């Protein structure tokens, strides 16, 4: 088992104010979809019937299938059409993200900027994964959506967490998790990994969530190539998101960009080109 990088709390960590009781149980719809897709021969009709049980999610899935990212002009009007367009695994990843957002709203208005960033991260890493022979786009999409899922969970558990988040965003990348640990005894990487594990996501996604702020793992062969590639691509996509939002100084890219580029075996110019491509896609999504 890989040794946690410095600053990461153990995955089983609980505190007096945050415990496994703060992790929402895996929703029944997600369990049913996972059960079907993990069969040796998944039944597409059964999968579509499960999705149709939730009218709101059915509509949102069709909207996503018709979006500029997934669709090249064909009008999608049925769940079956959406599954054909996206593929069963990608459709499952999208549904997992929709279920995540519904489950983590906690009956309140959530951070629009947070969800926007999660969607862009999922899209961006999925796009870059298609250029890789190591990653599947659905694994990349799931990681992108769930990567920072610990943030709304901590926000719900701690009234002062948004103040902590603002402070952490102003620190060096290596100190981000430490600020959370100091303030609340737990950090969003650990909490997000706990959620992903309890919701039965792929082990590589769980592992990558837990170490996504740690560039030390990029060359640590105790972690799988999938995990290391997810982490490296995440740094590139986060850089693109920052630039899309008009923020040119990414502290995390300053700390980890050289390592991410080296791990991906791409030059600074190639990174810039990838970011330009991602930003163009963000503008139409």
C-alpha atoms as a PDB file:
ATOM      1  CA  UNK A   1       0.000   0.000   0.000  1.00  0.00           C
ATOM      2  CA  UNK A   2       1.264   3.453  -0.869  1.00  0.00           C
ATOM      3  CA  UNK A   3       2.481   5.681   1.956  1.00  0.00           C
ATOM      4  CA  UNK A   4       0.392   8.859   2.302  1.00  0.00           C
ATOM      5  CA  UNK A   5       2.284  12.002   1.270  1.00  0.00           C
ATOM      6  CA  UNK A   6       3.060  14.540   4.017  1.00  0.00           C
ATOM      7  CA  UNK A   7       0.068  16.518   5.232  1.00  0.00           C
ATOM      8  CA  UNK A   8      -2.521  13.876   4.367  1.00  0.00           C
ATOM      9  CA  UNK A   9      -4.507  12.496   7.250  1.00  0.00           C
ATOM     10  CA  UNK A  10      -5.214   8.739   7.464  1.00  0.00           C
ATOM     11  CA  UNK A  11      -8.242   7.660   5.381  1.00  0.00           C
ATOM     12  CA  UNK A  12     -10.050   6.353   8.458  1.00  0.00           C
ATOM     13  CA  UNK A  13      -9.736   9.677  10.311  1.00  0.00           C
ATOM     14  CA  UNK A  14     -12.779  10.902  12.182  1.00  0.00           C
ATOM     15  CA  UNK A  15     -13.030  13.851  14.548  1.00  0.00           C
ATOM     16  CA  UNK A  16     -15.481  14.816  17.288  1.00  0.00           C
ATOM     17  CA  UNK A  17     -17.186  17.106  14.748  1.00  0.00           C
ATOM     18  CA  UNK A  18     -16.867  14.981  11.606  1.00  0.00           C
ATOM     19  CA  UNK A  19     -17.475  11.258  11.379  1.00  0.00           C
ATOM     20  CA  UNK A  20     -18.670   8.709   8.871  1.00  0.00           C
ATOM     21  CA  UNK A  21     -22.192   9.772   9.841  1.00  0.00           C
ATOM     22  CA  UNK A  22     -21.499  12.964   7.862  1.00  0.00           C
ATOM     23  CA  UNK A  23     -21.030  10.902   4.679  1.00  0.00           C
ATOM     24  CA  UNK A  24     -24.356  10.505   2.830  1.00  0.00           C
ATOM     25  CA  UNK A  25     -25.272   6.863   2.227  1.00  0.00           C
ATOM     26  CA  UNK A  26     -24.947   5.587  -1.316  1.00  0.00           C
ATOM     27  CA  UNK A  27     -28.246   6.443  -3.036  1.00  0.00           C
ATOM     28  CA  UNK A  28     -30.443   3.554  -4.140  1.00  0.00           C
ATOM     29  CA  UNK A  29     -30.436   4.693  -7.776  1.00  0.00           C
ATOM     30  CA  UNK A  30     -26.627   4.758  -7.858  1.00  0.00           C
ATOM     31  CA  UNK A  31     -26.474   1.277  -6.333  1.00  0.00           C
ATOM     32  CA  UNK A  32     -28.902  -0.046  -8.942  1.00  0.00           C
ATOM     33  CA  UNK A  33     -26.992   1.539 -11.836  1.00  0.00           C
ATOM     34  CA  UNK A  34     -23.663   0.220 -10.535  1.00  0.00           C
ATOM     35  CA  UNK A  35     -25.113  -3.244 -10.042  1.00  0.00           C
ATOM     36  CA  UNK A  36     -26.331  -3.323 -13.635  1.00  0.00           C
ATOM     37  CA  UNK A  37     -23.225  -1.886 -15.271  1.00  0.00           C
ATOM     38  CA  UNK A  38     -20.914  -4.258 -13.406  1.00  0.00           C
ATOM     39  CA  UNK A  39     -22.638  -7.342 -14.757  1.00  0.00           C
ATOM     40  CA  UNK A  40     -20.791  -9.377 -17.364  1.00  0.00           C
ATOM     41  CA  UNK A  41     -23.446  -8.374 -19.907  1.00  0.00           C
ATOM     42  CA  UNK A  42     -25.148  -5.137 -18.812  1.00  0.00           C
ATOM     43  CA  UNK A  43     -28.685  -4.717 -20.095  1.00  0.00           C
ATOM     44  CA  UNK A  44     -29.037  -1.337 -21.794  1.00  0.00           C
ATOM     45  CA  UNK A  45     -32.834  -1.372 -21.549  1.00  0.00           C
ATOM     46  CA  UNK A  46     -32.680  -2.148 -17.838  1.00  0.00           C
ATOM     47  CA  UNK A  47     -30.133   0.652 -17.364  1.00  0.00           C
ATOM     48  CA  UNK A  48     -32.399   3.108 -19.206  1.00  0.00           C
ATOM     49  CA  UNK A  49     -35.426   2.002 -17.168  1.00  0.00           C
ATOM     50  CA  UNK A  50     -33.519   2.694 -13.947  1.00  0.00           C
ATOM     51  CA  UNK A  51     -32.666   6.223 -15.081  1.00  0.00           C
ATOM     52  CA  UNK A  52     -36.283   6.923 -16.017  1.00  0.00           C
ATOM     53  CA  UNK A  53     -37.301   6.346 -12.392  1.00  0.00           C
ATOM     54  CA  UNK A  54     -36.103   9.900 -11.673  1.00  0.00           C
ATOM     55  CA  UNK A  55     -37.857  12.334 -14.009  1.00  0.00           C
ATOM     56  CA  UNK A  56     -35.672  15.314 -13.093  1.00  0.00           C
ATOM     57  CA  UNK A  57     -32.438  13.410 -13.697  1.00  0.00           C
ATOM     58  CA  UNK A  58     -33.800  12.032 -16.957  1.00  0.00           C
ATOM     59  CA  UNK A  59     -34.311  15.579 -18.208  1.00  0.00           C
ATOM     60  CA  UNK A  60     -30.879  16.705 -17.022  1.00  0.00           C
ATOM     61  CA  UNK A  61     -29.171  13.722 -18.643  1.00  0.00           C
ATOM     62  CA  UNK A  62     -30.846  14.510 -21.976  1.00  0.00           C
ATOM     63  CA  UNK A  63     -29.756  18.134 -21.615  1.00  0.00           C
ATOM     64  CA  UNK A  64     -26.155  17.051 -21.024  1.00  0.00           C
ATOM     65  CA  UNK A  65     -26.282  14.604 -23.945  1.00  0.00           C
ATOM     66  CA  UNK A  66     -27.358  17.504 -26.166  1.00  0.00           C
ATOM     67  CA  UNK A  67     -24.643  19.820 -24.860  1.00  0.00           C
ATOM     68  CA  UNK A  68     -21.795  21.113 -26.973  1.00  0.00           C
ATOM     69  CA  UNK A  69     -19.308  18.856 -25.203  1.00  0.00           C
ATOM     70  CA  UNK A  70     -20.969  15.527 -25.919  1.00  0.00           C
ATOM     71  CA  UNK A  71     -22.996  16.190 -29.048  1.00  0.00           C
ATOM     72  CA  UNK A  72     -21.957  17.115 -32.564  1.00  0.00           C
ATOM     73  CA  UNK A  73     -25.392  18.205 -33.728  1.00  0.00           C
ATOM     74  CA  UNK A  74     -27.684  15.199 -33.436  1.00  0.00           C
ATOM     75  CA  UNK A  75     -30.797  15.835 -31.372  1.00  0.00           C
ATOM     76  CA  UNK A  76     -31.108  13.378 -28.468  1.00  0.00           C
ATOM     77  CA  UNK A  77     -34.678  12.807 -27.287  1.00  0.00           C
ATOM     78  CA  UNK A  78     -34.623   9.462 -25.460  1.00  0.00           C
ATOM     79  CA  UNK A  79     -32.509   7.855 -22.749  1.00  0.00           C
ATOM     80  CA  UNK A  80     -31.659   5.045 -25.162  1.00  0.00           C
ATOM     81  CA  UNK A  81     -30.304   7.607 -27.635  1.00  0.00           C
ATOM     82  CA  UNK A  82     -28.259   9.197 -24.841  1.00  0.00           C
ATOM     83  CA  UNK A  83     -26.751   5.826 -23.919  1.00  0.00           C
ATOM     84  CA  UNK A  84     -25.849   5.137 -27.559  1.00  0.00           C
ATOM     85  CA  UNK A  85     -24.232   8.579 -27.861  1.00  0.00           C
ATOM     86  CA  UNK A  86     -22.336   8.549 -24.569  1.00  0.00           C
ATOM     87  CA  UNK A  87     -21.683   4.862 -24.161  1.00  0.00           C
ATOM     88  CA  UNK A  88     -22.839   2.916 -21.138  1.00  0.00           C
ATOM     89  CA  UNK A  89     -19.796   3.651 -18.954  1.00  0.00           C
ATOM     90  CA  UNK A  90     -19.776   7.370 -19.725  1.00  0.00           C
ATOM     91  CA  UNK A  91     -23.530   7.552 -19.162  1.00  0.00           C
ATOM     92  CA  UNK A  92     -23.010   5.916 -15.772  1.00  0.00           C
ATOM     93  CA  UNK A  93     -20.297   8.463 -14.930  1.00  0.00           C
ATOM     94  CA  UNK A  94     -22.585  11.358 -15.859  1.00  0.00           C
ATOM     95  CA  UNK A  95     -25.430   9.901 -13.800  1.00  0.00           C
ATOM     96  CA  UNK A  96     -23.095   9.464 -10.825  1.00  0.00           C
ATOM     97  CA  UNK A  97     -22.271  13.165 -11.042  1.00  0.00           C
ATOM     98  CA  UNK A  98     -25.939  14.154 -11.187  1.00  0.00           C
ATOM     99  CA  UNK A  99     -26.673  11.977  -8.173  1.00  0.00           C
ATOM    100  CA  UNK A 100     -23.691  13.513  -6.357  1.00  0.00           C
ATOM    101  CA  UNK A 101     -24.940  17.040  -6.893  1.00  0.00           C
ATOM    102  CA  UNK A 102     -28.464  16.143  -5.780  1.00  0.00           C
ATOM    103  CA  UNK A 103     -27.174  14.382  -2.669  1.00  0.00           C
ATOM    104  CA  UNK A 104     -24.806  17.157  -1.599  1.00  0.00           C
ATOM    105  CA  UNK A 105     -27.211  20.084  -1.912  1.00  0.00           C
ATOM    106  CA  UNK A 106     -28.428  19.461   1.652  1.00  0.00           C
ATOM    107  CA  UNK A 107     -31.624  21.382   0.904  1.00  0.00           C
ATOM    108  CA  UNK A 108     -29.711  24.662   0.524  1.00  0.00           C
ATOM    109  CA  UNK A 109     -28.310  26.641  -2.361  1.00  0.00           C
ATOM    110  CA  UNK A 110     -24.852  25.280  -2.929  1.00  0.00           C
ATOM    111  CA  UNK A 111     -21.848  27.082  -4.308  1.00  0.00           C
ATOM    112  CA  UNK A 112     -22.508  27.687  -7.990  1.00  0.00           C
ATOM    113  CA  UNK A 113     -18.812  28.357  -8.579  1.00  0.00           C
ATOM    114  CA  UNK A 114     -17.908  25.021  -6.982  1.00  0.00           C
ATOM    115  CA  UNK A 115     -20.263  22.988  -9.174  1.00  0.00           C
ATOM    116  CA  UNK A 116     -19.195  24.909 -12.262  1.00  0.00           C
ATOM    117  CA  UNK A 117     -15.576  24.073 -11.475  1.00  0.00           C
ATOM    118  CA  UNK A 118     -16.402  20.405 -10.890  1.00  0.00           C
ATOM    119  CA  UNK A 119     -18.161  20.150 -14.246  1.00  0.00           C
ATOM    120  CA  UNK A 120     -15.310  21.861 -16.070  1.00  0.00           C
ATOM    121  CA  UNK A 121     -12.760  19.653 -14.341  1.00  0.00           C
ATOM    122  CA  UNK A 122     -14.701  16.528 -15.335  1.00  0.00           C
ATOM    123  CA  UNK A 123     -15.004  17.704 -18.938  1.00  0.00           C
ATOM    124  CA  UNK A 124     -11.377  18.783 -19.123  1.00  0.00           C
ATOM    125  CA  UNK A 125      -9.818  15.638 -17.675  1.00  0.00           C
ATOM    126  CA  UNK A 126     -12.147  13.497 -19.781  1.00  0.00           C
ATOM    127  CA  UNK A 127     -11.020  15.356 -22.916  1.00  0.00           C
ATOM    128  CA  UNK A 128      -7.348  14.927 -22.092  1.00  0.00           C
ATOM    129  CA  UNK A 129      -7.868  11.282 -21.148  1.00  0.00           C
ATOM    130  CA  UNK A 130      -8.983  10.564 -24.699  1.00  0.00           C
ATOM    131  CA  UNK A 131      -5.450  11.496 -25.767  1.00  0.00           C
ATOM    132  CA  UNK A 132      -4.021   8.977 -23.305  1.00  0.00           C
ATOM    133  CA  UNK A 133      -3.714   5.214 -23.666  1.00  0.00           C
ATOM    134  CA  UNK A 134      -3.725   4.824 -19.896  1.00  0.00           C
ATOM    135  CA  UNK A 135      -7.055   6.404 -18.912  1.00  0.00           C
ATOM    136  CA  UNK A 136     -10.634   5.797 -19.967  1.00  0.00           C
ATOM    137  CA  UNK A 137     -12.692   8.970 -20.351  1.00  0.00           C
ATOM    138  CA  UNK A 138     -15.387   7.729 -17.932  1.00  0.00           C
ATOM    139  CA  UNK A 139     -12.841   7.120 -15.144  1.00  0.00           C
ATOM    140  CA  UNK A 140     -11.444  10.596 -15.791  1.00  0.00           C
ATOM    141  CA  UNK A 141     -14.917  12.149 -15.774  1.00  0.00           C
ATOM    142  CA  UNK A 142     -15.822  10.484 -12.460  1.00  0.00           C
ATOM    143  CA  UNK A 143     -12.592  11.652 -10.860  1.00  0.00           C
ATOM    144  CA  UNK A 144     -13.180  15.203 -12.082  1.00  0.00           C
ATOM    145  CA  UNK A 145     -16.678  15.339 -10.626  1.00  0.00           C
ATOM    146  CA  UNK A 146     -15.837  13.747  -7.282  1.00  0.00           C
ATOM    147  CA  UNK A 147     -12.349  15.246  -6.860  1.00  0.00           C
ATOM    148  CA  UNK A 148     -13.436  18.064  -4.536  1.00  0.00           C
ATOM    149  CA  UNK A 149     -16.641  16.487  -3.219  1.00  0.00           C
ATOM    150  CA  UNK A 150     -15.243  16.778   0.292  1.00  0.00           C
ATOM    151  CA  UNK A 151     -15.678  20.571   0.121  1.00  0.00           C
ATOM    152  CA  UNK A 152     -19.499  20.685   0.306  1.00  0.00           C
ATOM    153  CA  UNK A 153     -19.417  17.941   2.943  1.00  0.00           C
ATOM    154  CA  UNK A 154     -17.069  20.004   5.113  1.00  0.00           C
ATOM    155  CA  UNK A 155     -19.127  23.094   4.428  1.00  0.00           C
ATOM    156  CA  UNK A 156     -22.170  21.277   5.743  1.00  0.00           C
ATOM    157  CA  UNK A 157     -20.330  19.976   8.822  1.00  0.00           C
ATOM    158  CA  UNK A 158     -18.511  23.166   9.838  1.00  0.00           C
ATOM    159  CA  UNK A 159     -20.205  26.616   9.849  1.00  0.00           C
ATOM    160  CA  UNK A 160     -16.829  28.353   9.446  1.00  0.00           C
ATOM    161  CA  UNK A 161     -15.516  26.134   6.657  1.00  0.00           C
ATOM    162  CA  UNK A 162     -15.903  28.685   3.847  1.00  0.00           C
ATOM    163  CA  UNK A 163     -13.623  31.016   5.809  1.00  0.00           C
ATOM    164  CA  UNK A 164     -11.142  28.144   6.068  1.00  0.00           C
ATOM    165  CA  UNK A 165     -11.409  27.573   2.331  1.00  0.00           C
ATOM    166  CA  UNK A 166     -10.650  31.218   1.570  1.00  0.00           C
ATOM    167  CA  UNK A 167      -7.579  31.067   3.805  1.00  0.00           C
ATOM    168  CA  UNK A 168      -6.411  27.782   2.282  1.00  0.00           C
ATOM    169  CA  UNK A 169      -6.734  29.179  -1.251  1.00  0.00           C
ATOM    170  CA  UNK A 170      -4.252  31.925  -0.362  1.00  0.00           C
ATOM    171  CA  UNK A 171      -1.585  29.541   0.906  1.00  0.00           C
ATOM    172  CA  UNK A 172       1.072  27.578  -0.918  1.00  0.00           C
ATOM    173  CA  UNK A 173      -0.351  24.460  -2.495  1.00  0.00           C
ATOM    174  CA  UNK A 174       1.508  22.184  -0.084  1.00  0.00           C
ATOM    175  CA  UNK A 175      -0.166  23.916   2.876  1.00  0.00           C
ATOM    176  CA  UNK A 176      -3.759  23.795   1.584  1.00  0.00           C
ATOM    177  CA  UNK A 177      -4.690  20.545   3.310  1.00  0.00           C
ATOM    178  CA  UNK A 178      -2.753  21.488   6.415  1.00  0.00           C
ATOM    179  CA  UNK A 179      -4.906  24.614   6.869  1.00  0.00           C
ATOM    180  CA  UNK A 180      -8.012  22.394   6.784  1.00  0.00           C
ATOM    181  CA  UNK A 181      -6.445  19.885   9.171  1.00  0.00           C
ATOM    182  CA  UNK A 182      -5.453  22.630  11.615  1.00  0.00           C
ATOM    183  CA  UNK A 183      -8.909  24.233  11.574  1.00  0.00           C
ATOM    184  CA  UNK A 184     -11.126  21.150  11.525  1.00  0.00           C
ATOM    185  CA  UNK A 185      -8.994  18.074  12.134  1.00  0.00           C
ATOM    186  CA  UNK A 186      -9.756  16.717   8.669  1.00  0.00           C
ATOM    187  CA  UNK A 187      -9.345  17.811   5.049  1.00  0.00           C
ATOM    188  CA  UNK A 188     -11.421  17.661   1.889  1.00  0.00           C
ATOM    189  CA  UNK A 189      -9.133  15.149   0.154  1.00  0.00           C
ATOM    190  CA  UNK A 190      -9.669  12.556   2.883  1.00  0.00           C
ATOM    191  CA  UNK A 191     -13.401  13.305   3.109  1.00  0.00           C
ATOM    192  CA  UNK A 192     -13.840  13.135  -0.663  1.00  0.00           C
ATOM    193  CA  UNK A 193     -12.038   9.794  -0.787  1.00  0.00           C
ATOM    194  CA  UNK A 194     -14.258   8.474   2.012  1.00  0.00           C
ATOM    195  CA  UNK A 195     -17.340   9.482   0.051  1.00  0.00           C
ATOM    196  CA  UNK A 196     -16.058   7.904  -3.153  1.00  0.00           C
ATOM    197  CA  UNK A 197     -15.181   4.695  -1.318  1.00  0.00           C
ATOM    198  CA  UNK A 198     -18.569   4.486   0.424  1.00  0.00           C
ATOM    199  CA  UNK A 199     -20.288   5.108  -2.886  1.00  0.00           C
ATOM    200  CA  UNK A 200     -18.338   2.231  -4.434  1.00  0.00           C
ATOM    201  CA  UNK A 201     -16.461   4.222  -7.073  1.00  0.00           C
ATOM    202  CA  UNK A 202     -13.476   2.638  -8.802  1.00  0.00           C
ATOM    203  CA  UNK A 203     -10.477   2.136  -6.465  1.00  0.00           C
ATOM    204  CA  UNK A 204      -8.249   4.266  -8.733  1.00  0.00           C
ATOM    205  CA  UNK A 205     -10.698   7.179  -8.428  1.00  0.00           C
ATOM    206  CA  UNK A 206     -10.762   6.838  -4.630  1.00  0.00           C
ATOM    207  CA  UNK A 207      -6.959   6.781  -4.436  1.00  0.00           C
ATOM    208  CA  UNK A 208      -6.552   9.730  -6.805  1.00  0.00           C
ATOM    209  CA  UNK A 209      -9.040  11.862  -4.871  1.00  0.00           C
ATOM    210  CA  UNK A 210      -7.142  11.247  -1.678  1.00  0.00           C
ATOM    211  CA  UNK A 211      -3.808  12.429  -3.094  1.00  0.00           C
ATOM    212  CA  UNK A 212      -4.916  14.984  -5.677  1.00  0.00           C
ATOM    213  CA  UNK A 213      -3.096  17.858  -3.945  1.00  0.00           C
ATOM    214  CA  UNK A 214       0.183  15.961  -3.681  1.00  0.00           C
ATOM    215  CA  UNK A 215       2.561  16.194  -6.615  1.00  0.00           C
ATOM    216  CA  UNK A 216       4.919  13.873  -4.732  1.00  0.00           C
ATOM    217  CA  UNK A 217       2.884  10.908  -5.969  1.00  0.00           C
ATOM    218  CA  UNK A 218       3.499  11.702  -9.647  1.00  0.00           C
ATOM    219  CA  UNK A 219       6.695   9.641  -9.665  1.00  0.00           C
ATOM    220  CA  UNK A 220       5.814   7.250  -6.845  1.00  0.00           C
ATOM    221  CA  UNK A 221       5.345   3.830  -8.436  1.00  0.00           C
ATOM    222  CA  UNK A 222       3.524   2.641  -5.344  1.00  0.00           C
ATOM    223  CA  UNK A 223       0.572   4.354  -7.061  1.00  0.00           C
ATOM    224  CA  UNK A 224      -0.835   2.965 -10.294  1.00  0.00           C
ATOM    225  CA  UNK A 225      -0.247   4.712 -13.652  1.00  0.00           C
ATOM    226  CA  UNK A 226      -3.964   5.537 -13.716  1.00  0.00           C
ATOM    227  CA  UNK A 227      -3.783   7.379 -10.389  1.00  0.00           C
ATOM    228  CA  UNK A 228      -0.611   9.237 -11.340  1.00  0.00           C
ATOM    229  CA  UNK A 229      -2.032  10.254 -14.721  1.00  0.00           C
ATOM    230  CA  UNK A 230      -5.259  11.506 -13.140  1.00  0.00           C
ATOM    231  CA  UNK A 231      -3.259  13.681 -10.753  1.00  0.00           C
ATOM    232  CA  UNK A 232      -1.038  15.079 -13.494  1.00  0.00           C
ATOM    233  CA  UNK A 233      -3.948  15.860 -15.822  1.00  0.00           C
ATOM    234  CA  UNK A 234      -5.805  17.485 -12.953  1.00  0.00           C
ATOM    235  CA  UNK A 235      -3.006  20.035 -12.540  1.00  0.00           C
ATOM    236  CA  UNK A 236      -3.236  20.944 -16.233  1.00  0.00           C
ATOM    237  CA  UNK A 237      -7.021  21.258 -16.154  1.00  0.00           C
ATOM    238  CA  UNK A 238      -6.965  23.336 -12.975  1.00  0.00           C
ATOM    239  CA  UNK A 239      -4.520  25.689 -14.709  1.00  0.00           C
ATOM    240  CA  UNK A 240      -6.945  25.993 -17.636  1.00  0.00           C
ATOM    241  CA  UNK A 241      -9.882  26.674 -15.324  1.00  0.00           C
ATOM    242  CA  UNK A 242      -7.943  29.406 -13.534  1.00  0.00           C
ATOM    243  CA  UNK A 243      -7.011  31.036 -16.848  1.00  0.00           C
ATOM    244  CA  UNK A 244     -10.593  30.737 -18.103  1.00  0.00           C
ATOM    245  CA  UNK A 245     -11.688  32.631 -14.999  1.00  0.00           C
ATOM    246  CA  UNK A 246      -9.072  35.327 -15.580  1.00  0.00           C
ATOM    247  CA  UNK A 247      -6.781  34.220 -12.761  1.00  0.00           C
ATOM    248  CA  UNK A 248      -3.264  34.003 -14.143  1.00  0.00           C
ATOM    249  CA  UNK A 249      -1.386  33.107 -10.964  1.00  0.00           C
ATOM    250  CA  UNK A 250      -2.156  29.538  -9.907  1.00  0.00           C
ATOM    251  CA  UNK A 251      -0.223  28.747  -6.740  1.00  0.00           C
ATOM    252  CA  UNK A 252      -0.754  25.038  -7.271  1.00  0.00           C
ATOM    253  CA  UNK A 253       0.583  25.147 -10.831  1.00  0.00           C
ATOM    254  CA  UNK A 254       3.616  27.131  -9.662  1.00  0.00           C
ATOM    255  CA  UNK A 255       4.354  24.384  -7.135  1.00  0.00           C
ATOM    256  CA  UNK A 256       3.459  21.339  -9.229  1.00  0.00           C
ATOM    257  CA  UNK A 257       3.383  22.386 -12.890  1.00  0.00           C
ATOM    258  CA  UNK A 258       6.935  21.336 -13.698  1.00  0.00           C
ATOM    259  CA  UNK A 259       6.351  17.933 -12.097  1.00  0.00           C
ATOM    260  CA  UNK A 260       3.020  17.438 -13.904  1.00  0.00           C
ATOM    261  CA  UNK A 261       4.559  18.349 -17.276  1.00  0.00           C
ATOM    262  CA  UNK A 262       7.433  15.959 -16.694  1.00  0.00           C
ATOM    263  CA  UNK A 263       5.086  13.154 -15.612  1.00  0.00           C
ATOM    264  CA  UNK A 264       2.981  13.638 -18.750  1.00  0.00           C
ATOM    265  CA  UNK A 265       6.114  14.044 -20.904  1.00  0.00           C
ATOM    266  CA  UNK A 266       4.889  17.274 -22.454  1.00  0.00           C
ATOM    267  CA  UNK A 267       6.544  20.661 -22.850  1.00  0.00           C
ATOM    268  CA  UNK A 268       5.414  24.006 -21.443  1.00  0.00           C
ATOM    269  CA  UNK A 269       4.274  24.972 -24.938  1.00  0.00           C
ATOM    270  CA  UNK A 270       2.179  21.797 -25.183  1.00  0.00           C
ATOM    271  CA  UNK A 271       0.639  22.594 -21.804  1.00  0.00           C
ATOM    272  CA  UNK A 272      -0.293  26.059 -23.040  1.00  0.00           C
ATOM    273  CA  UNK A 273      -1.813  24.584 -26.193  1.00  0.00           C
ATOM    274  CA  UNK A 274      -3.860  22.092 -24.161  1.00  0.00           C
ATOM    275  CA  UNK A 275      -5.086  24.899 -21.910  1.00  0.00           C
ATOM    276  CA  UNK A 276      -6.136  26.948 -24.928  1.00  0.00           C
ATOM    277  CA  UNK A 277      -8.079  23.965 -26.276  1.00  0.00           C
ATOM    278  CA  UNK A 278      -9.774  23.411 -22.924  1.00  0.00           C
ATOM    279  CA  UNK A 279     -10.676  27.076 -22.533  1.00  0.00           C
ATOM    280  CA  UNK A 280     -12.266  27.084 -25.985  1.00  0.00           C
ATOM    281  CA  UNK A 281     -14.373  24.096 -24.978  1.00  0.00           C
ATOM    282  CA  UNK A 282     -15.334  25.664 -21.640  1.00  0.00           C
ATOM    283  CA  UNK A 283     -16.704  28.692 -23.486  1.00  0.00           C
ATOM    284  CA  UNK A 284     -19.259  26.643 -25.419  1.00  0.00           C
ATOM    285  CA  UNK A 285     -20.279  24.198 -22.681  1.00  0.00           C
END
